[in-house]
Amino acid sequence: MLQLEEKEIMAFKDESGEKVEFEIVAKLKVDNKDYMILAPLDGNEEDAFAFRVDEEDGKPVYNFVEDEREFEKVQKEYKAYTEKE
């Protein structure tokens, strides 16, 4: 688990093309895969989303975790992470 020293901000476009900014609240490794937990800057941490970090052509690609089992594993690891803080 990577401790974040400073706020890291990422921006994505939503379905309507509007820019939405997220704070990276955690970086996790689950089953040898990298994940990030992102919370919208205009929301709260409870509105967080899990993204798997894949690599294509040597560049990171962020994929929203939609699979229920995969999400539950990431959620369990994130909960353990937050309980340690």
PDB file of N, CA and C in Angstrom:
ATOM      1  N   MET A   1       0.848  -1.170   0.000  1.00  0.00           N
ATOM      2  CA  MET A   1       0.000   0.000   0.000  1.00  0.00           C
ATOM      3  C   MET A   1       0.892   1.231   0.000  1.00  0.00           C
ATOM      4  N   LEU A   2       0.584   2.152  -0.849  1.00  0.00           N
ATOM      5  CA  LEU A   2       1.379   3.365  -0.964  1.00  0.00           C
ATOM      6  C   LEU A   2       0.720   4.488  -0.176  1.00  0.00           C
ATOM      7  N   GLN A   3       1.462   5.038   0.768  1.00  0.00           N
ATOM      8  CA  GLN A   3       0.980   6.200   1.511  1.00  0.00           C
ATOM      9  C   GLN A   3       1.154   7.438   0.639  1.00  0.00           C
ATOM     10  N   LEU A   4       0.145   8.244   0.552  1.00  0.00           N
ATOM     11  CA  LEU A   4       0.215   9.460  -0.250  1.00  0.00           C
ATOM     12  C   LEU A   4       0.571  10.636   0.648  1.00  0.00           C
ATOM     13  N   GLU A   5       1.641  11.325   0.307  1.00  0.00           N
ATOM     14  CA  GLU A   5       2.116  12.455   1.099  1.00  0.00           C
ATOM     15  C   GLU A   5       1.334  13.727   0.779  1.00  0.00           C
ATOM     16  N   GLU A   6       1.131  13.983  -0.496  1.00  0.00           N
ATOM     17  CA  GLU A   6       0.430  15.177  -0.937  1.00  0.00           C
ATOM     18  C   GLU A   6      -0.799  14.764  -1.727  1.00  0.00           C
ATOM     19  N   LYS A   7      -1.737  15.683  -1.840  1.00  0.00           N
ATOM     20  CA  LYS A   7      -2.918  15.390  -2.649  1.00  0.00           C
ATOM     21  C   LYS A   7      -2.509  15.235  -4.106  1.00  0.00           C
ATOM     22  N   GLU A   8      -2.989  14.164  -4.704  1.00  0.00           N
ATOM     23  CA  GLU A   8      -2.791  13.957  -6.135  1.00  0.00           C
ATOM     24  C   GLU A   8      -4.152  14.088  -6.787  1.00  0.00           C
ATOM     25  N   ILE A   9      -4.226  14.907  -7.838  1.00  0.00           N
ATOM     26  CA  ILE A   9      -5.487  15.178  -8.520  1.00  0.00           C
ATOM     27  C   ILE A   9      -5.421  14.630  -9.939  1.00  0.00           C
ATOM     28  N   MET A  10      -6.519  13.986 -10.351  1.00  0.00           N
ATOM     29  CA  MET A  10      -6.658  13.501 -11.729  1.00  0.00           C
ATOM     30  C   MET A  10      -7.951  14.061 -12.283  1.00  0.00           C
ATOM     31  N   ALA A  11      -7.992  14.272 -13.583  1.00  0.00           N
ATOM     32  CA  ALA A  11      -9.209  14.786 -14.216  1.00  0.00           C
ATOM     33  C   ALA A  11      -9.645  13.828 -15.316  1.00  0.00           C
ATOM     34  N   PHE A  12     -10.953  13.604 -15.390  1.00  0.00           N
ATOM     35  CA  PHE A  12     -11.567  12.777 -16.420  1.00  0.00           C
ATOM     36  C   PHE A  12     -12.736  13.551 -17.014  1.00  0.00           C
ATOM     37  N   LYS A  13     -13.200  13.115 -18.150  1.00  0.00           N
ATOM     38  CA  LYS A  13     -14.420  13.688 -18.722  1.00  0.00           C
ATOM     39  C   LYS A  13     -15.567  12.732 -18.446  1.00  0.00           C
ATOM     40  N   ASP A  14     -16.696  13.298 -18.007  1.00  0.00           N
ATOM     41  CA  ASP A  14     -17.865  12.464 -17.750  1.00  0.00           C
ATOM     42  C   ASP A  14     -18.618  12.202 -19.053  1.00  0.00           C
ATOM     43  N   GLU A  15     -19.779  11.559 -18.934  1.00  0.00           N
ATOM     44  CA  GLU A  15     -20.563  11.176 -20.106  1.00  0.00           C
ATOM     45  C   GLU A  15     -20.962  12.369 -20.971  1.00  0.00           C
ATOM     46  N   SER A  16     -21.118  13.533 -20.361  1.00  0.00           N
ATOM     47  CA  SER A  16     -21.537  14.724 -21.107  1.00  0.00           C
ATOM     48  C   SER A  16     -20.338  15.569 -21.564  1.00  0.00           C
ATOM     49  N   GLY A  17     -19.117  15.065 -21.344  1.00  0.00           N
ATOM     50  CA  GLY A  17     -17.927  15.781 -21.791  1.00  0.00           C
ATOM     51  C   GLY A  17     -17.407  16.813 -20.811  1.00  0.00           C
ATOM     52  N   GLU A  18     -18.020  16.892 -19.638  1.00  0.00           N
ATOM     53  CA  GLU A  18     -17.584  17.845 -18.617  1.00  0.00           C
ATOM     54  C   GLU A  18     -16.381  17.290 -17.859  1.00  0.00           C
ATOM     55  N   LYS A  19     -15.433  18.162 -17.541  1.00  0.00           N
ATOM     56  CA  LYS A  19     -14.252  17.768 -16.778  1.00  0.00           C
ATOM     57  C   LYS A  19     -14.636  17.570 -15.310  1.00  0.00           C
ATOM     58  N   VAL A  20     -14.249  16.429 -14.768  1.00  0.00           N
ATOM     59  CA  VAL A  20     -14.504  16.115 -13.370  1.00  0.00           C
ATOM     60  C   VAL A  20     -13.159  15.783 -12.730  1.00  0.00           C
ATOM     61  N   GLU A  21     -12.861  16.443 -11.611  1.00  0.00           N
ATOM     62  CA  GLU A  21     -11.584  16.218 -10.933  1.00  0.00           C
ATOM     63  C   GLU A  21     -11.768  15.280  -9.743  1.00  0.00           C
ATOM     64  N   PHE A  22     -10.776  14.404  -9.580  1.00  0.00           N
ATOM     65  CA  PHE A  22     -10.782  13.433  -8.498  1.00  0.00           C
ATOM     66  C   PHE A  22      -9.474  13.522  -7.732  1.00  0.00           C
ATOM     67  N   GLU A  23      -9.562  13.243  -6.450  1.00  0.00           N
ATOM     68  CA  GLU A  23      -8.367  13.115  -5.628  1.00  0.00           C
ATOM     69  C   GLU A  23      -8.059  11.626  -5.481  1.00  0.00           C
ATOM     70  N   ILE A  24      -6.794  11.268  -5.627  1.00  0.00           N
ATOM     71  CA  ILE A  24      -6.383   9.887  -5.378  1.00  0.00           C
ATOM     72  C   ILE A  24      -6.273   9.734  -3.868  1.00  0.00           C
ATOM     73  N   VAL A  25      -7.152   8.925  -3.286  1.00  0.00           N
ATOM     74  CA  VAL A  25      -7.136   8.760  -1.831  1.00  0.00           C
ATOM     75  C   VAL A  25      -6.343   7.534  -1.399  1.00  0.00           C
ATOM     76  N   ALA A  26      -6.105   6.585  -2.331  1.00  0.00           N
ATOM     77  CA  ALA A  26      -5.294   5.415  -2.000  1.00  0.00           C
ATOM     78  C   ALA A  26      -4.821   4.739  -3.279  1.00  0.00           C
ATOM     79  N   LYS A  27      -3.649   4.120  -3.161  1.00  0.00           N
ATOM     80  CA  LYS A  27      -3.127   3.252  -4.221  1.00  0.00           C
ATOM     81  C   LYS A  27      -2.925   1.896  -3.584  1.00  0.00           C
ATOM     82  N   LEU A  28      -3.503   0.866  -4.192  1.00  0.00           N
ATOM     83  CA  LEU A  28      -3.490  -0.474  -3.625  1.00  0.00           C
ATOM     84  C   LEU A  28      -2.939  -1.485  -4.616  1.00  0.00           C
ATOM     85  N   LYS A  29      -2.480  -2.609  -4.097  1.00  0.00           N
ATOM     86  CA  LYS A  29      -2.110  -3.748  -4.935  1.00  0.00           C
ATOM     87  C   LYS A  29      -2.932  -4.924  -4.431  1.00  0.00           C
ATOM     88  N   VAL A  30      -3.737  -5.500  -5.329  1.00  0.00           N
ATOM     89  CA  VAL A  30      -4.591  -6.637  -4.999  1.00  0.00           C
ATOM     90  C   VAL A  30      -4.376  -7.688  -6.083  1.00  0.00           C
ATOM     91  N   ASP A  31      -4.048  -8.911  -5.663  1.00  0.00           N
ATOM     92  CA  ASP A  31      -3.794  -9.999  -6.617  1.00  0.00           C
ATOM     93  C   ASP A  31      -2.795  -9.584  -7.701  1.00  0.00           C
ATOM     94  N   ASN A  32      -1.732  -8.909  -7.293  1.00  0.00           N
ATOM     95  CA  ASN A  32      -0.668  -8.446  -8.194  1.00  0.00           C
ATOM     96  C   ASN A  32      -1.142  -7.465  -9.259  1.00  0.00           C
ATOM     97  N   LYS A  33      -2.251  -6.792  -9.012  1.00  0.00           N
ATOM     98  CA  LYS A  33      -2.745  -5.743  -9.910  1.00  0.00           C
ATOM     99  C   LYS A  33      -2.794  -4.438  -9.131  1.00  0.00           C
ATOM    100  N   ASP A  34      -2.537  -3.337  -9.823  1.00  0.00           N
ATOM    101  CA  ASP A  34      -2.559  -2.023  -9.192  1.00  0.00           C
ATOM    102  C   ASP A  34      -3.949  -1.401  -9.302  1.00  0.00           C
ATOM    103  N   TYR A  35      -4.353  -0.750  -8.214  1.00  0.00           N
ATOM    104  CA  TYR A  35      -5.652  -0.075  -8.158  1.00  0.00           C
ATOM    105  C   TYR A  35      -5.476   1.293  -7.533  1.00  0.00           C
ATOM    106  N   MET A  36      -6.405   2.175  -7.852  1.00  0.00           N
ATOM    107  CA  MET A  36      -6.468   3.479  -7.205  1.00  0.00           C
ATOM    108  C   MET A  36      -7.896   3.711  -6.752  1.00  0.00           C
ATOM    109  N   ILE A  37      -8.020   4.320  -5.590  1.00  0.00           N
ATOM    110  CA  ILE A  37      -9.327   4.753  -5.091  1.00  0.00           C
ATOM    111  C   ILE A  37      -9.372   6.256  -5.312  1.00  0.00           C
ATOM    112  N   LEU A  38     -10.369   6.689  -6.078  1.00  0.00           N
ATOM    113  CA  LEU A  38     -10.510   8.111  -6.417  1.00  0.00           C
ATOM    114  C   LEU A  38     -11.807   8.655  -5.847  1.00  0.00           C
ATOM    115  N   ALA A  39     -11.722   9.850  -5.255  1.00  0.00           N
ATOM    116  CA  ALA A  39     -12.903  10.524  -4.711  1.00  0.00           C
ATOM    117  C   ALA A  39     -13.071  11.858  -5.437  1.00  0.00           C
ATOM    118  N   PRO A  40     -14.305  12.191  -5.841  1.00  0.00           N
ATOM    119  CA  PRO A  40     -14.511  13.470  -6.525  1.00  0.00           C
ATOM    120  C   PRO A  40     -14.183  14.638  -5.604  1.00  0.00           C
ATOM    121  N   LEU A  41     -13.526  15.660  -6.157  1.00  0.00           N
ATOM    122  CA  LEU A  41     -13.167  16.823  -5.350  1.00  0.00           C
ATOM    123  C   LEU A  41     -14.402  17.535  -4.813  1.00  0.00           C
ATOM    124  N   ASP A  42     -15.486  17.492  -5.562  1.00  0.00           N
ATOM    125  CA  ASP A  42     -16.699  18.184  -5.113  1.00  0.00           C
ATOM    126  C   ASP A  42     -17.619  17.279  -4.292  1.00  0.00           C
ATOM    127  N   GLY A  43     -17.154  16.099  -3.932  1.00  0.00           N
ATOM    128  CA  GLY A  43     -17.943  15.175  -3.123  1.00  0.00           C
ATOM    129  C   GLY A  43     -17.221  14.869  -1.833  1.00  0.00           C
ATOM    130  N   ASN A  44     -17.444  13.668  -1.324  1.00  0.00           N
ATOM    131  CA  ASN A  44     -16.693  13.250  -0.142  1.00  0.00           C
ATOM    132  C   ASN A  44     -16.105  11.872  -0.395  1.00  0.00           C
ATOM    133  N   GLU A  45     -15.267  11.419   0.517  1.00  0.00           N
ATOM    134  CA  GLU A  45     -14.539  10.170   0.324  1.00  0.00           C
ATOM    135  C   GLU A  45     -15.474   8.971   0.223  1.00  0.00           C
ATOM    136  N   GLU A  46     -16.683   9.094   0.777  1.00  0.00           N
ATOM    137  CA  GLU A  46     -17.646   8.003   0.687  1.00  0.00           C
ATOM    138  C   GLU A  46     -18.154   7.812  -0.740  1.00  0.00           C
ATOM    139  N   ASP A  47     -17.958   8.803  -1.600  1.00  0.00           N
ATOM    140  CA  ASP A  47     -18.361   8.720  -3.002  1.00  0.00           C
ATOM    141  C   ASP A  47     -17.228   8.186  -3.871  1.00  0.00           C
ATOM    142  N   ALA A  48     -16.251   7.507  -3.267  1.00  0.00           N
ATOM    143  CA  ALA A  48     -15.053   7.074  -3.970  1.00  0.00           C
ATOM    144  C   ALA A  48     -15.342   5.959  -4.975  1.00  0.00           C
ATOM    145  N   PHE A  49     -14.466   5.880  -5.988  1.00  0.00           N
ATOM    146  CA  PHE A  49     -14.557   4.887  -7.051  1.00  0.00           C
ATOM    147  C   PHE A  49     -13.252   4.109  -7.114  1.00  0.00           C
ATOM    148  N   ALA A  50     -13.332   2.846  -7.504  1.00  0.00           N
ATOM    149  CA  ALA A  50     -12.141   2.012  -7.656  1.00  0.00           C
ATOM    150  C   ALA A  50     -11.798   1.888  -9.134  1.00  0.00           C
ATOM    151  N   PHE A  51     -10.527   2.105  -9.449  1.00  0.00           N
ATOM    152  CA  PHE A  51     -10.029   1.963 -10.817  1.00  0.00           C
ATOM    153  C   PHE A  51      -8.846   1.002 -10.813  1.00  0.00           C
ATOM    154  N   ARG A  52      -8.841   0.087 -11.768  1.00  0.00           N
ATOM    155  CA  ARG A  52      -7.691  -0.787 -11.979  1.00  0.00           C
ATOM    156  C   ARG A  52      -6.743  -0.066 -12.923  1.00  0.00           C
ATOM    157  N   VAL A  53      -5.458  -0.124 -12.613  1.00  0.00           N
ATOM    158  CA  VAL A  53      -4.461   0.532 -13.452  1.00  0.00           C
ATOM    159  C   VAL A  53      -3.816  -0.545 -14.335  1.00  0.00           C
ATOM    160  N   ASP A  54      -4.185  -0.542 -15.606  1.00  0.00           N
ATOM    161  CA  ASP A  54      -3.611  -1.461 -16.581  1.00  0.00           C
ATOM    162  C   ASP A  54      -2.574  -0.705 -17.397  1.00  0.00           C
ATOM    163  N   GLU A  55      -1.835  -1.425 -18.196  1.00  0.00           N
ATOM    164  CA  GLU A  55      -0.822  -0.781 -19.030  1.00  0.00           C
ATOM    165  C   GLU A  55      -1.046  -1.175 -20.488  1.00  0.00           C
ATOM    166  N   GLU A  56      -1.062  -0.164 -21.344  1.00  0.00           N
ATOM    167  CA  GLU A  56      -1.160  -0.381 -22.783  1.00  0.00           C
ATOM    168  C   GLU A  56      -0.103   0.471 -23.459  1.00  0.00           C
ATOM    169  N   ASP A  57       0.716  -0.168 -24.278  1.00  0.00           N
ATOM    170  CA  ASP A  57       1.803   0.527 -24.979  1.00  0.00           C
ATOM    171  C   ASP A  57       2.695   1.300 -24.011  1.00  0.00           C
ATOM    172  N   GLY A  58       2.921   0.719 -22.826  1.00  0.00           N
ATOM    173  CA  GLY A  58       3.806   1.339 -21.851  1.00  0.00           C
ATOM    174  C   GLY A  58       3.206   2.507 -21.090  1.00  0.00           C
ATOM    175  N   LYS A  59       1.926   2.767 -21.282  1.00  0.00           N
ATOM    176  CA  LYS A  59       1.269   3.892 -20.599  1.00  0.00           C
ATOM    177  C   LYS A  59       0.142   3.365 -19.714  1.00  0.00           C
ATOM    178  N   PRO A  60      -0.086   4.027 -18.567  1.00  0.00           N
ATOM    179  CA  PRO A  60      -1.177   3.582 -17.696  1.00  0.00           C
ATOM    180  C   PRO A  60      -2.548   3.870 -18.313  1.00  0.00           C
ATOM    181  N   VAL A  61      -3.442   2.906 -18.126  1.00  0.00           N
ATOM    182  CA  VAL A  61      -4.834   3.044 -18.565  1.00  0.00           C
ATOM    183  C   VAL A  61      -5.692   2.754 -17.335  1.00  0.00           C
ATOM    184  N   TYR A  62      -6.628   3.647 -17.036  1.00  0.00           N
ATOM    185  CA  TYR A  62      -7.441   3.540 -15.827  1.00  0.00           C
ATOM    186  C   TYR A  62      -8.810   2.977 -16.187  1.00  0.00           C
ATOM    187  N   ASN A  63      -9.103   1.782 -15.633  1.00  0.00           N
ATOM    188  CA  ASN A  63     -10.356   1.099 -15.924  1.00  0.00           C
ATOM    189  C   ASN A  63     -11.212   1.007 -14.667  1.00  0.00           C
ATOM    190  N   PHE A  64     -12.418   1.538 -14.763  1.00  0.00           N
ATOM    191  CA  PHE A  64     -13.375   1.486 -13.662  1.00  0.00           C
ATOM    192  C   PHE A  64     -13.653   0.025 -13.329  1.00  0.00           C
ATOM    193  N   VAL A  65     -13.602  -0.329 -12.048  1.00  0.00           N
ATOM    194  CA  VAL A  65     -13.848  -1.708 -11.629  1.00  0.00           C
ATOM    195  C   VAL A  65     -15.355  -1.947 -11.600  1.00  0.00           C
ATOM    196  N   GLU A  66     -15.818  -2.771 -12.533  1.00  0.00           N
ATOM    197  CA  GLU A  66     -17.244  -3.071 -12.628  1.00  0.00           C
ATOM    198  C   GLU A  66     -17.583  -4.470 -12.131  1.00  0.00           C
ATOM    199  N   ASP A  67     -16.618  -5.396 -12.202  1.00  0.00           N
ATOM    200  CA  ASP A  67     -16.848  -6.764 -11.770  1.00  0.00           C
ATOM    201  C   ASP A  67     -17.065  -6.801 -10.258  1.00  0.00           C
ATOM    202  N   GLU A  68     -18.150  -7.402  -9.823  1.00  0.00           N
ATOM    203  CA  GLU A  68     -18.525  -7.389  -8.408  1.00  0.00           C
ATOM    204  C   GLU A  68     -17.479  -8.073  -7.523  1.00  0.00           C
ATOM    205  N   ARG A  69     -16.972  -9.209  -7.950  1.00  0.00           N
ATOM    206  CA  ARG A  69     -15.970  -9.924  -7.139  1.00  0.00           C
ATOM    207  C   ARG A  69     -14.675  -9.131  -7.037  1.00  0.00           C
ATOM    208  N   GLU A  70     -14.249  -8.585  -8.154  1.00  0.00           N
ATOM    209  CA  GLU A  70     -13.031  -7.778  -8.158  1.00  0.00           C
ATOM    210  C   GLU A  70     -13.216  -6.555  -7.254  1.00  0.00           C
ATOM    211  N   PHE A  71     -14.371  -5.909  -7.356  1.00  0.00           N
ATOM    212  CA  PHE A  71     -14.657  -4.735  -6.530  1.00  0.00           C
ATOM    213  C   PHE A  71     -14.632  -5.091  -5.046  1.00  0.00           C
ATOM    214  N   GLU A  72     -15.215  -6.234  -4.686  1.00  0.00           N
ATOM    215  CA  GLU A  72     -15.245  -6.644  -3.276  1.00  0.00           C
ATOM    216  C   GLU A  72     -13.842  -6.860  -2.722  1.00  0.00           C
ATOM    217  N   LYS A  73     -12.937  -7.434  -3.533  1.00  0.00           N
ATOM    218  CA  LYS A  73     -11.549  -7.619  -3.090  1.00  0.00           C
ATOM    219  C   LYS A  73     -10.867  -6.274  -2.853  1.00  0.00           C
ATOM    220  N   VAL A  74     -11.071  -5.344  -3.792  1.00  0.00           N
ATOM    221  CA  VAL A  74     -10.463  -4.018  -3.662  1.00  0.00           C
ATOM    222  C   VAL A  74     -11.058  -3.285  -2.462  1.00  0.00           C
ATOM    223  N   GLN A  75     -12.358  -3.388  -2.308  1.00  0.00           N
ATOM    224  CA  GLN A  75     -13.045  -2.740  -1.187  1.00  0.00           C
ATOM    225  C   GLN A  75     -12.522  -3.278   0.153  1.00  0.00           C
ATOM    226  N   LYS A  76     -12.322  -4.586   0.241  1.00  0.00           N
ATOM    227  CA  LYS A  76     -11.807  -5.201   1.473  1.00  0.00           C
ATOM    228  C   LYS A  76     -10.404  -4.685   1.784  1.00  0.00           C
ATOM    229  N   GLU A  77      -9.552  -4.610   0.764  1.00  0.00           N
ATOM    230  CA  GLU A  77      -8.182  -4.109   0.959  1.00  0.00           C
ATOM    231  C   GLU A  77      -8.195  -2.635   1.369  1.00  0.00           C
ATOM    232  N   TYR A  78      -9.077  -1.844   0.742  1.00  0.00           N
ATOM    233  CA  TYR A  78      -9.174  -0.418   1.078  1.00  0.00           C
ATOM    234  C   TYR A  78      -9.671  -0.240   2.513  1.00  0.00           C
ATOM    235  N   LYS A  79     -10.627  -1.063   2.925  1.00  0.00           N
ATOM    236  CA  LYS A  79     -11.134  -0.966   4.287  1.00  0.00           C
ATOM    237  C   LYS A  79     -10.029  -1.287   5.283  1.00  0.00           C
ATOM    238  N   ALA A  80      -9.226  -2.317   5.004  1.00  0.00           N
ATOM    239  CA  ALA A  80      -8.097  -2.650   5.875  1.00  0.00           C
ATOM    240  C   ALA A  80      -7.108  -1.490   5.919  1.00  0.00           C
ATOM    241  N   TYR A  81      -6.882  -0.849   4.784  1.00  0.00           N
ATOM    242  CA  TYR A  81      -5.985   0.301   4.699  1.00  0.00           C
ATOM    243  C   TYR A  81      -6.492   1.449   5.568  1.00  0.00           C
ATOM    244  N   THR A  82      -7.778   1.768   5.486  1.00  0.00           N
ATOM    245  CA  THR A  82      -8.311   2.903   6.241  1.00  0.00           C
ATOM    246  C   THR A  82      -8.353   2.611   7.740  1.00  0.00           C
ATOM    247  N   GLU A  83      -8.489   1.352   8.119  1.00  0.00           N
ATOM    248  CA  GLU A  83      -8.511   1.008   9.536  1.00  0.00           C
ATOM    249  C   GLU A  83      -7.129   1.128  10.167  1.00  0.00           C
ATOM    250  N   LYS A  84      -6.063   1.026   9.343  1.00  0.00           N
ATOM    251  CA  LYS A  84      -4.700   1.155   9.857  1.00  0.00           C
ATOM    252  C   LYS A  84      -4.334   2.596  10.151  1.00  0.00           C
ATOM    253  N   GLU A  85      -4.984   3.541   9.458  1.00  0.00           N
ATOM    254  CA  GLU A  85      -4.636   4.962   9.604  1.00  0.00           C
ATOM    255  C   GLU A  85      -5.094   5.518  10.921  1.00  0.00           C
TER     256      GLU A  85
END
